[in-house]
PDB file of N, CA and C in Angstrom:
ATOM      1  N   UNK A   1      -7.697  -4.455  -9.247  1.00  0.00           N
ATOM      2  CA  UNK A   1      -7.860  -5.829  -9.654  1.00  0.00           C
ATOM      3  C   UNK A   1      -9.330  -6.101  -9.926  1.00  0.00           C
ATOM      4  N   UNK A   2      -9.555  -6.924 -10.938  1.00  0.00           N
ATOM      5  CA  UNK A   2     -10.934  -7.228 -11.312  1.00  0.00           C
ATOM      6  C   UNK A   2     -11.102  -8.730 -11.513  1.00  0.00           C
ATOM      7  N   UNK A   3     -12.353  -9.152 -11.510  1.00  0.00           N
ATOM      8  CA  UNK A   3     -12.692 -10.549 -11.763  1.00  0.00           C
ATOM      9  C   UNK A   3     -13.950 -10.600 -12.613  1.00  0.00           C
ATOM     10  N   UNK A   4     -14.120 -11.734 -13.282  1.00  0.00           N
ATOM     11  CA  UNK A   4     -15.284 -11.952 -14.135  1.00  0.00           C
ATOM     12  C   UNK A   4     -16.120 -13.072 -13.527  1.00  0.00           C
ATOM     13  N   UNK A   5     -17.413 -12.832 -13.409  1.00  0.00           N
ATOM     14  CA  UNK A   5     -18.352 -13.849 -12.934  1.00  0.00           C
ATOM     15  C   UNK A   5     -19.262 -14.185 -14.102  1.00  0.00           C
ATOM     16  N   UNK A   6     -19.402 -15.479 -14.398  1.00  0.00           N
ATOM     17  CA  UNK A   6     -20.348 -15.911 -15.420  1.00  0.00           C
ATOM     18  C   UNK A   6     -21.379 -16.829 -14.774  1.00  0.00           C
ATOM     19  N   UNK A   7     -22.612 -16.706 -15.251  1.00  0.00           N
ATOM     20  CA  UNK A   7     -23.726 -17.482 -14.704  1.00  0.00           C
ATOM     21  C   UNK A   7     -24.557 -18.013 -15.858  1.00  0.00           C
ATOM     22  N   UNK A   8     -24.942 -19.283 -15.764  1.00  0.00           N
ATOM     23  CA  UNK A   8     -25.847 -19.853 -16.758  1.00  0.00           C
ATOM     24  C   UNK A   8     -26.748 -20.867 -16.065  1.00  0.00           C
ATOM     25  N   UNK A   9     -28.003 -20.873 -16.467  1.00  0.00           N
ATOM     26  CA  UNK A   9     -28.951 -21.831 -15.903  1.00  0.00           C
ATOM     27  C   UNK A   9     -30.374 -21.442 -16.229  1.00  0.00           C
ATOM     28  N   UNK A  10     -31.303 -22.214 -15.695  1.00  0.00           N
ATOM     29  CA  UNK A  10     -32.719 -21.940 -15.921  1.00  0.00           C
ATOM     30  C   UNK A  10     -33.106 -20.642 -15.203  1.00  0.00           C
ATOM     31  N   UNK A  11     -33.848 -19.794 -15.898  1.00  0.00           N
ATOM     32  CA  UNK A  11     -34.266 -18.511 -15.329  1.00  0.00           C
ATOM     33  C   UNK A  11     -35.164 -18.718 -14.110  1.00  0.00           C
ATOM     34  N   UNK A  12     -34.939 -17.886 -13.097  1.00  0.00           N
ATOM     35  CA  UNK A  12     -35.754 -17.902 -11.890  1.00  0.00           C
ATOM     36  C   UNK A  12     -35.600 -16.577 -11.158  1.00  0.00           C
ATOM     37  N   UNK A  13     -36.504 -16.314 -10.273  1.00  0.00           N
ATOM     38  CA  UNK A  13     -36.490 -15.081  -9.498  1.00  0.00           C
ATOM     39  C   UNK A  13     -35.295 -15.075  -8.545  1.00  0.00           C
ATOM     40  N   UNK A  14     -34.594 -13.954  -8.477  1.00  0.00           N
ATOM     41  CA  UNK A  14     -33.576 -13.743  -7.454  1.00  0.00           C
ATOM     42  C   UNK A  14     -32.147 -14.028  -7.835  1.00  0.00           C
ATOM     43  N   UNK A  15     -31.882 -14.404  -9.076  1.00  0.00           N
ATOM     44  CA  UNK A  15     -30.502 -14.715  -9.460  1.00  0.00           C
ATOM     45  C   UNK A  15     -29.594 -13.502  -9.264  1.00  0.00           C
ATOM     46  N   UNK A  16     -29.928 -12.408  -9.899  1.00  0.00           N
ATOM     47  CA  UNK A  16     -29.089 -11.204  -9.814  1.00  0.00           C
ATOM     48  C   UNK A  16     -29.015 -10.714  -8.370  1.00  0.00           C
ATOM     49  N   UNK A  17     -30.119 -10.772  -7.664  1.00  0.00           N
ATOM     50  CA  UNK A  17     -30.151 -10.310  -6.273  1.00  0.00           C
ATOM     51  C   UNK A  17     -29.192 -11.109  -5.390  1.00  0.00           C
ATOM     52  N   UNK A  18     -29.206 -12.429  -5.508  1.00  0.00           N
ATOM     53  CA  UNK A  18     -28.342 -13.254  -4.655  1.00  0.00           C
ATOM     54  C   UNK A  18     -26.867 -13.061  -4.982  1.00  0.00           C
ATOM     55  N   UNK A  19     -26.557 -12.958  -6.251  1.00  0.00           N
ATOM     56  CA  UNK A  19     -25.152 -12.792  -6.642  1.00  0.00           C
ATOM     57  C   UNK A  19     -24.647 -11.409  -6.253  1.00  0.00           C
ATOM     58  N   UNK A  20     -25.440 -10.391  -6.492  1.00  0.00           N
ATOM     59  CA  UNK A  20     -25.001  -9.037  -6.131  1.00  0.00           C
ATOM     60  C   UNK A  20     -24.926  -8.868  -4.616  1.00  0.00           C
ATOM     61  N   UNK A  21     -25.785  -9.542  -3.865  1.00  0.00           N
ATOM     62  CA  UNK A  21     -25.721  -9.495  -2.401  1.00  0.00           C
ATOM     63  C   UNK A  21     -24.428 -10.131  -1.902  1.00  0.00           C
ATOM     64  N   UNK A  22     -24.042 -11.262  -2.491  1.00  0.00           N
ATOM     65  CA  UNK A  22     -22.783 -11.913  -2.110  1.00  0.00           C
ATOM     66  C   UNK A  22     -21.595 -11.008  -2.423  1.00  0.00           C
ATOM     67  N   UNK A  23     -21.610 -10.353  -3.577  1.00  0.00           N
ATOM     68  CA  UNK A  23     -20.531  -9.419  -3.919  1.00  0.00           C
ATOM     69  C   UNK A  23     -20.457  -8.275  -2.908  1.00  0.00           C
ATOM     70  N   UNK A  24     -21.595  -7.709  -2.568  1.00  0.00           N
ATOM     71  CA  UNK A  24     -21.629  -6.602  -1.615  1.00  0.00           C
ATOM     72  C   UNK A  24     -21.140  -7.040  -0.240  1.00  0.00           C
ATOM     73  N   UNK A  25     -21.462  -8.252   0.153  1.00  0.00           N
ATOM     74  CA  UNK A  25     -21.040  -8.788   1.462  1.00  0.00           C
ATOM     75  C   UNK A  25     -19.518  -8.734   1.616  1.00  0.00           C
ATOM     76  N   UNK A  26     -18.795  -8.954   0.526  1.00  0.00           N
ATOM     77  CA  UNK A  26     -17.330  -8.962   0.563  1.00  0.00           C
ATOM     78  C   UNK A  26     -16.711  -7.691  -0.012  1.00  0.00           C
ATOM     79  N   UNK A  27     -17.537  -6.675  -0.227  1.00  0.00           N
ATOM     80  CA  UNK A  27     -17.082  -5.371  -0.707  1.00  0.00           C
ATOM     81  C   UNK A  27     -16.527  -5.431  -2.140  1.00  0.00           C
ATOM     82  N   UNK A  28     -17.070  -6.324  -2.957  1.00  0.00           N
ATOM     83  CA  UNK A  28     -16.711  -6.404  -4.371  1.00  0.00           C
ATOM     84  C   UNK A  28     -17.703  -5.536  -5.145  1.00  0.00           C
ATOM     85  N   UNK A  29     -17.194  -4.549  -5.849  1.00  0.00           N
ATOM     86  CA  UNK A  29     -18.044  -3.596  -6.557  1.00  0.00           C
ATOM     87  C   UNK A  29     -18.336  -4.082  -7.978  1.00  0.00           C
ATOM     88  N   UNK A  30     -19.595  -4.058  -8.369  1.00  0.00           N
ATOM     89  CA  UNK A  30     -19.990  -4.445  -9.721  1.00  0.00           C
ATOM     90  C   UNK A  30     -19.703  -3.274 -10.662  1.00  0.00           C
ATOM     91  N   UNK A  31     -18.806  -3.503 -11.622  1.00  0.00           N
ATOM     92  CA  UNK A  31     -18.433  -2.467 -12.580  1.00  0.00           C
ATOM     93  C   UNK A  31     -19.292  -2.517 -13.833  1.00  0.00           C
ATOM     94  N   UNK A  32     -19.643  -3.725 -14.250  1.00  0.00           N
ATOM     95  CA  UNK A  32     -20.446  -3.893 -15.460  1.00  0.00           C
ATOM     96  C   UNK A  32     -21.198  -5.210 -15.345  1.00  0.00           C
ATOM     97  N   UNK A  33     -22.382  -5.238 -15.907  1.00  0.00           N
ATOM     98  CA  UNK A  33     -23.198  -6.444 -15.867  1.00  0.00           C
ATOM     99  C   UNK A  33     -23.975  -6.546 -17.167  1.00  0.00           C
ATOM    100  N   UNK A  34     -24.009  -7.757 -17.705  1.00  0.00           N
ATOM    101  CA  UNK A  34     -24.790  -8.016 -18.914  1.00  0.00           C
ATOM    102  C   UNK A  34     -25.526  -9.326 -18.699  1.00  0.00           C
ATOM    103  N   UNK A  35     -26.803  -9.300 -18.951  1.00  0.00           N
ATOM    104  CA  UNK A  35     -27.600 -10.519 -18.804  1.00  0.00           C
ATOM    105  C   UNK A  35     -28.563 -10.622 -19.973  1.00  0.00           C
ATOM    106  N   UNK A  36     -28.935 -11.857 -20.251  1.00  0.00           N
ATOM    107  CA  UNK A  36     -29.890 -12.091 -21.323  1.00  0.00           C
ATOM    108  C   UNK A  36     -30.625 -13.398 -21.064  1.00  0.00           C
ATOM    109  N   UNK A  37     -31.769 -13.516 -21.678  1.00  0.00           N
ATOM    110  CA  UNK A  37     -32.537 -14.750 -21.638  1.00  0.00           C
ATOM    111  C   UNK A  37     -32.571 -15.336 -23.030  1.00  0.00           C
ATOM    112  N   UNK A  38     -32.241 -16.611 -23.134  1.00  0.00           N
ATOM    113  CA  UNK A  38     -32.372 -17.355 -24.379  1.00  0.00           C
ATOM    114  C   UNK A  38     -33.491 -18.348 -24.128  1.00  0.00           C
ATOM    115  N   UNK A  39     -34.701 -17.942 -24.445  1.00  0.00           N
ATOM    116  CA  UNK A  39     -35.925 -18.648 -24.075  1.00  0.00           C
ATOM    117  C   UNK A  39     -35.964 -18.744 -22.554  1.00  0.00           C
ATOM    118  N   UNK A  40     -35.799 -19.916 -21.949  1.00  0.00           N
ATOM    119  CA  UNK A  40     -35.834 -20.021 -20.477  1.00  0.00           C
ATOM    120  C   UNK A  40     -34.443 -20.100 -19.860  1.00  0.00           C
ATOM    121  N   UNK A  41     -33.401 -19.929 -20.674  1.00  0.00           N
ATOM    122  CA  UNK A  41     -32.036 -20.024 -20.173  1.00  0.00           C
ATOM    123  C   UNK A  41     -31.510 -18.627 -19.853  1.00  0.00           C
ATOM    124  N   UNK A  42     -31.095 -18.450 -18.596  1.00  0.00           N
ATOM    125  CA  UNK A  42     -30.551 -17.186 -18.109  1.00  0.00           C
ATOM    126  C   UNK A  42     -29.034 -17.228 -18.271  1.00  0.00           C
ATOM    127  N   UNK A  43     -28.466 -16.164 -18.829  1.00  0.00           N
ATOM    128  CA  UNK A  43     -27.012 -16.022 -18.892  1.00  0.00           C
ATOM    129  C   UNK A  43     -26.631 -14.634 -18.393  1.00  0.00           C
ATOM    130  N   UNK A  44     -25.518 -14.571 -17.676  1.00  0.00           N
ATOM    131  CA  UNK A  44     -25.065 -13.285 -17.149  1.00  0.00           C
ATOM    132  C   UNK A  44     -23.548 -13.271 -17.081  1.00  0.00           C
ATOM    133  N   UNK A  45     -22.988 -12.134 -17.403  1.00  0.00           N
ATOM    134  CA  UNK A  45     -21.564 -11.883 -17.217  1.00  0.00           C
ATOM    135  C   UNK A  45     -21.439 -10.609 -16.393  1.00  0.00           C
ATOM    136  N   UNK A  46     -20.618 -10.685 -15.370  1.00  0.00           N
ATOM    137  CA  UNK A  46     -20.437  -9.555 -14.462  1.00  0.00           C
ATOM    138  C   UNK A  46     -18.940  -9.267 -14.336  1.00  0.00           C
ATOM    139  N   UNK A  47     -18.567  -8.022 -14.418  1.00  0.00           N
ATOM    140  CA  UNK A  47     -17.196  -7.596 -14.158  1.00  0.00           C
ATOM    141  C   UNK A  47     -17.206  -6.905 -12.800  1.00  0.00           C
ATOM    142  N   UNK A  48     -16.382  -7.414 -11.874  1.00  0.00           N
ATOM    143  CA  UNK A  48     -16.371  -6.838 -10.527  1.00  0.00           C
ATOM    144  C   UNK A  48     -14.978  -6.339 -10.159  1.00  0.00           C
ATOM    145  N   UNK A  49     -14.938  -5.305  -9.355  1.00  0.00           N
ATOM    146  CA  UNK A  49     -13.691  -4.764  -8.804  1.00  0.00           C
ATOM    147  C   UNK A  49     -13.434  -5.482  -7.486  1.00  0.00           C
ATOM    148  N   UNK A  50     -12.295  -6.175  -7.394  1.00  0.00           N
ATOM    149  CA  UNK A  50     -11.964  -6.903  -6.168  1.00  0.00           C
ATOM    150  C   UNK A  50     -10.793  -6.255  -5.423  1.00  0.00           C
ATOM    151  N   UNK A  51     -10.489  -5.013  -5.762  1.00  0.00           N
ATOM    152  CA  UNK A  51      -9.367  -4.313  -5.122  1.00  0.00           C
ATOM    153  C   UNK A  51      -9.548  -4.148  -3.624  1.00  0.00           C
ATOM    154  N   UNK A  52     -10.785  -4.044  -3.185  1.00  0.00           N
ATOM    155  CA  UNK A  52     -11.043  -3.762  -1.768  1.00  0.00           C
ATOM    156  C   UNK A  52     -11.881  -4.851  -1.102  1.00  0.00           C
ATOM    157  N   UNK A  53     -11.829  -6.085  -1.624  1.00  0.00           N
ATOM    158  CA  UNK A  53     -12.643  -7.131  -1.006  1.00  0.00           C
ATOM    159  C   UNK A  53     -12.119  -7.429   0.396  1.00  0.00           C
ATOM    160  N   UNK A  54     -13.050  -7.801   1.264  1.00  0.00           N
ATOM    161  CA  UNK A  54     -12.730  -8.005   2.674  1.00  0.00           C
ATOM    162  C   UNK A  54     -12.174  -9.389   2.969  1.00  0.00           C
ATOM    163  N   UNK A  55     -12.289 -10.315   2.041  1.00  0.00           N
ATOM    164  CA  UNK A  55     -11.772 -11.684   2.197  1.00  0.00           C
ATOM    165  C   UNK A  55     -11.046 -12.074   0.922  1.00  0.00           C
ATOM    166  N   UNK A  56     -10.413 -13.231   0.942  1.00  0.00           N
ATOM    167  CA  UNK A  56      -9.753 -13.760  -0.239  1.00  0.00           C
ATOM    168  C   UNK A  56     -10.785 -14.043  -1.340  1.00  0.00           C
ATOM    169  N   UNK A  57     -10.399 -13.869  -2.591  1.00  0.00           N
ATOM    170  CA  UNK A  57     -11.302 -14.114  -3.713  1.00  0.00           C
ATOM    171  C   UNK A  57     -11.833 -15.552  -3.697  1.00  0.00           C
ATOM    172  N   UNK A  58     -11.061 -16.475  -3.159  1.00  0.00           N
ATOM    173  CA  UNK A  58     -11.501 -17.866  -3.065  1.00  0.00           C
ATOM    174  C   UNK A  58     -12.725 -18.039  -2.190  1.00  0.00           C
ATOM    175  N   UNK A  59     -12.844 -17.223  -1.160  1.00  0.00           N
ATOM    176  CA  UNK A  59     -14.012 -17.293  -0.270  1.00  0.00           C
ATOM    177  C   UNK A  59     -15.254 -16.804  -1.006  1.00  0.00           C
ATOM    178  N   UNK A  60     -15.131 -15.701  -1.725  1.00  0.00           N
ATOM    179  CA  UNK A  60     -16.255 -15.207  -2.537  1.00  0.00           C
ATOM    180  C   UNK A  60     -16.627 -16.244  -3.592  1.00  0.00           C
ATOM    181  N   UNK A  61     -15.630 -16.816  -4.251  1.00  0.00           N
ATOM    182  CA  UNK A  61     -15.873 -17.838  -5.264  1.00  0.00           C
ATOM    183  C   UNK A  61     -16.638 -19.018  -4.664  1.00  0.00           C
ATOM    184  N   UNK A  62     -16.227 -19.465  -3.491  1.00  0.00           N
ATOM    185  CA  UNK A  62     -16.906 -20.576  -2.826  1.00  0.00           C
ATOM    186  C   UNK A  62     -18.354 -20.265  -2.514  1.00  0.00           C
ATOM    187  N   UNK A  63     -18.614 -19.057  -2.020  1.00  0.00           N
ATOM    188  CA  UNK A  63     -19.994 -18.671  -1.706  1.00  0.00           C
ATOM    189  C   UNK A  63     -20.849 -18.612  -2.967  1.00  0.00           C
ATOM    190  N   UNK A  64     -20.294 -18.068  -4.044  1.00  0.00           N
ATOM    191  CA  UNK A  64     -21.045 -18.004  -5.298  1.00  0.00           C
ATOM    192  C   UNK A  64     -21.309 -19.404  -5.857  1.00  0.00           C
ATOM    193  N   UNK A  65     -20.355 -20.307  -5.710  1.00  0.00           N
ATOM    194  CA  UNK A  65     -20.568 -21.682  -6.161  1.00  0.00           C
ATOM    195  C   UNK A  65     -21.663 -22.360  -5.335  1.00  0.00           C
ATOM    196  N   UNK A  66     -21.737 -22.055  -4.042  1.00  0.00           N
ATOM    197  CA  UNK A  66     -22.811 -22.588  -3.197  1.00  0.00           C
ATOM    198  C   UNK A  66     -24.175 -22.062  -3.649  1.00  0.00           C
ATOM    199  N   UNK A  67     -24.222 -20.777  -3.978  1.00  0.00           N
ATOM    200  CA  UNK A  67     -25.463 -20.202  -4.510  1.00  0.00           C
ATOM    201  C   UNK A  67     -25.847 -20.935  -5.787  1.00  0.00           C
ATOM    202  N   UNK A  68     -24.848 -21.220  -6.618  1.00  0.00           N
ATOM    203  CA  UNK A  68     -25.106 -21.944  -7.854  1.00  0.00           C
ATOM    204  C   UNK A  68     -25.708 -23.319  -7.598  1.00  0.00           C
ATOM    205  N   UNK A  69     -25.184 -24.038  -6.608  1.00  0.00           N
ATOM    206  CA  UNK A  69     -25.733 -25.354  -6.277  1.00  0.00           C
ATOM    207  C   UNK A  69     -27.170 -25.241  -5.782  1.00  0.00           C
ATOM    208  N   UNK A  70     -27.420 -24.275  -4.906  1.00  0.00           N
ATOM    209  CA  UNK A  70     -28.762 -24.083  -4.349  1.00  0.00           C
ATOM    210  C   UNK A  70     -29.776 -23.756  -5.439  1.00  0.00           C
ATOM    211  N   UNK A  71     -29.361 -22.950  -6.421  1.00  0.00           N
ATOM    212  CA  UNK A  71     -30.281 -22.470  -7.449  1.00  0.00           C
ATOM    213  C   UNK A  71     -30.168 -23.258  -8.760  1.00  0.00           C
ATOM    214  N   UNK A  72     -29.358 -24.302  -8.751  1.00  0.00           N
ATOM    215  CA  UNK A  72     -29.129 -25.122  -9.939  1.00  0.00           C
ATOM    216  C   UNK A  72     -28.621 -24.294 -11.118  1.00  0.00           C
ATOM    217  N   UNK A  73     -27.588 -23.483 -10.829  1.00  0.00           N
ATOM    218  CA  UNK A  73     -26.940 -22.634 -11.815  1.00  0.00           C
ATOM    219  C   UNK A  73     -25.465 -23.011 -11.898  1.00  0.00           C
ATOM    220  N   UNK A  74     -24.839 -22.747 -13.005  1.00  0.00           N
ATOM    221  CA  UNK A  74     -23.396 -22.877 -13.126  1.00  0.00           C
ATOM    222  C   UNK A  74     -22.813 -21.479 -12.981  1.00  0.00           C
ATOM    223  N   UNK A  75     -22.072 -21.253 -11.886  1.00  0.00           N
ATOM    224  CA  UNK A  75     -21.449 -19.950 -11.627  1.00  0.00           C
ATOM    225  C   UNK A  75     -19.943 -20.151 -11.608  1.00  0.00           C
ATOM    226  N   UNK A  76     -19.250 -19.337 -12.393  1.00  0.00           N
ATOM    227  CA  UNK A  76     -17.795 -19.426 -12.490  1.00  0.00           C
ATOM    228  C   UNK A  76     -17.196 -18.050 -12.200  1.00  0.00           C
ATOM    229  N   UNK A  77     -16.153 -18.022 -11.383  1.00  0.00           N
ATOM    230  CA  UNK A  77     -15.454 -16.779 -11.041  1.00  0.00           C
ATOM    231  C   UNK A  77     -14.008 -16.915 -11.495  1.00  0.00           C
ATOM    232  N   UNK A  78     -13.524 -15.923 -12.242  1.00  0.00           N
ATOM    233  CA  UNK A  78     -12.165 -15.966 -12.746  1.00  0.00           C
ATOM    234  C   UNK A  78     -11.499 -14.603 -12.568  1.00  0.00           C
ATOM    235  N   UNK A  79     -10.301 -14.602 -11.999  1.00  0.00           N
ATOM    236  CA  UNK A  79      -9.532 -13.368 -11.866  1.00  0.00           C
ATOM    237  C   UNK A  79      -9.222 -12.840 -13.268  1.00  0.00           C
ATOM    238  N   UNK A  80      -9.248 -11.547 -13.435  1.00  0.00           N
ATOM    239  CA  UNK A  80      -9.036 -10.929 -14.745  1.00  0.00           C
ATOM    240  C   UNK A  80      -7.694 -11.321 -15.360  1.00  0.00           C
ATOM    241  N   UNK A  81      -6.649 -11.477 -14.556  1.00  0.00           N
ATOM    242  CA  UNK A  81      -5.333 -11.853 -15.092  1.00  0.00           C
ATOM    243  C   UNK A  81      -5.380 -13.221 -15.773  1.00  0.00           C
ATOM    244  N   UNK A  82      -6.095 -14.163 -15.178  1.00  0.00           N
ATOM    245  CA  UNK A  82      -6.226 -15.495 -15.775  1.00  0.00           C
ATOM    246  C   UNK A  82      -7.032 -15.395 -17.066  1.00  0.00           C
ATOM    247  N   UNK A  83      -8.119 -14.629 -17.012  1.00  0.00           N
ATOM    248  CA  UNK A  83      -8.951 -14.446 -18.200  1.00  0.00           C
ATOM    249  C   UNK A  83      -8.123 -13.865 -19.344  1.00  0.00           C
ATOM    250  N   UNK A  84      -7.354 -12.825 -19.055  1.00  0.00           N
ATOM    251  CA  UNK A  84      -6.537 -12.187 -20.091  1.00  0.00           C
ATOM    252  C   UNK A  84      -5.478 -13.135 -20.627  1.00  0.00           C
ATOM    253  N   UNK A  85      -4.868 -13.932 -19.763  1.00  0.00           N
ATOM    254  CA  UNK A  85      -3.845 -14.898 -20.203  1.00  0.00           C
ATOM    255  C   UNK A  85      -4.449 -15.944 -21.127  1.00  0.00           C
ATOM    256  N   UNK A  86      -5.652 -16.368 -20.832  1.00  0.00           N
ATOM    257  CA  UNK A  86      -6.309 -17.386 -21.647  1.00  0.00           C
ATOM    258  C   UNK A  86      -6.669 -16.854 -23.032  1.00  0.00           C
ATOM    259  N   UNK A  87      -6.896 -15.568 -23.141  1.00  0.00           N
ATOM    260  CA  UNK A  87      -7.360 -14.980 -24.394  1.00  0.00           C
ATOM    261  C   UNK A  87      -6.307 -14.132 -25.108  1.00  0.00           C
ATOM    262  N   UNK A  88      -5.057 -14.258 -24.662  1.00  0.00           N
ATOM    263  CA  UNK A  88      -3.968 -13.524 -25.287  1.00  0.00           C
ATOM    264  C   UNK A  88      -3.520 -14.271 -26.542  1.00  0.00           C
ATOM    265  N   UNK A  89      -3.301 -13.543 -27.597  1.00  0.00           N
ATOM    266  CA  UNK A  89      -2.869 -14.160 -28.869  1.00  0.00           C
ATOM    267  C   UNK A  89      -1.367 -14.255 -28.898  1.00  0.00           C
TER     268      UNK A  89
END
């Protein structure tokens, strides 16, 4: 099972570190990561493996949303099945 994490907000030190630390805390493995800067706007998409997470995906989602509030970022976590359903033709 996999999930997609998206992040957008003003660039600052520690964004990737805090998000990857939260993933590691719950044993979610980062499979792929793409980030870019559009002037001062940071954007990132992360694909994570949640097959072996130690807690419910909702708990990880909540922690990432808290990080987003602290850092003034918009962080969204979506299970891959929902993502695929939304983009199915």
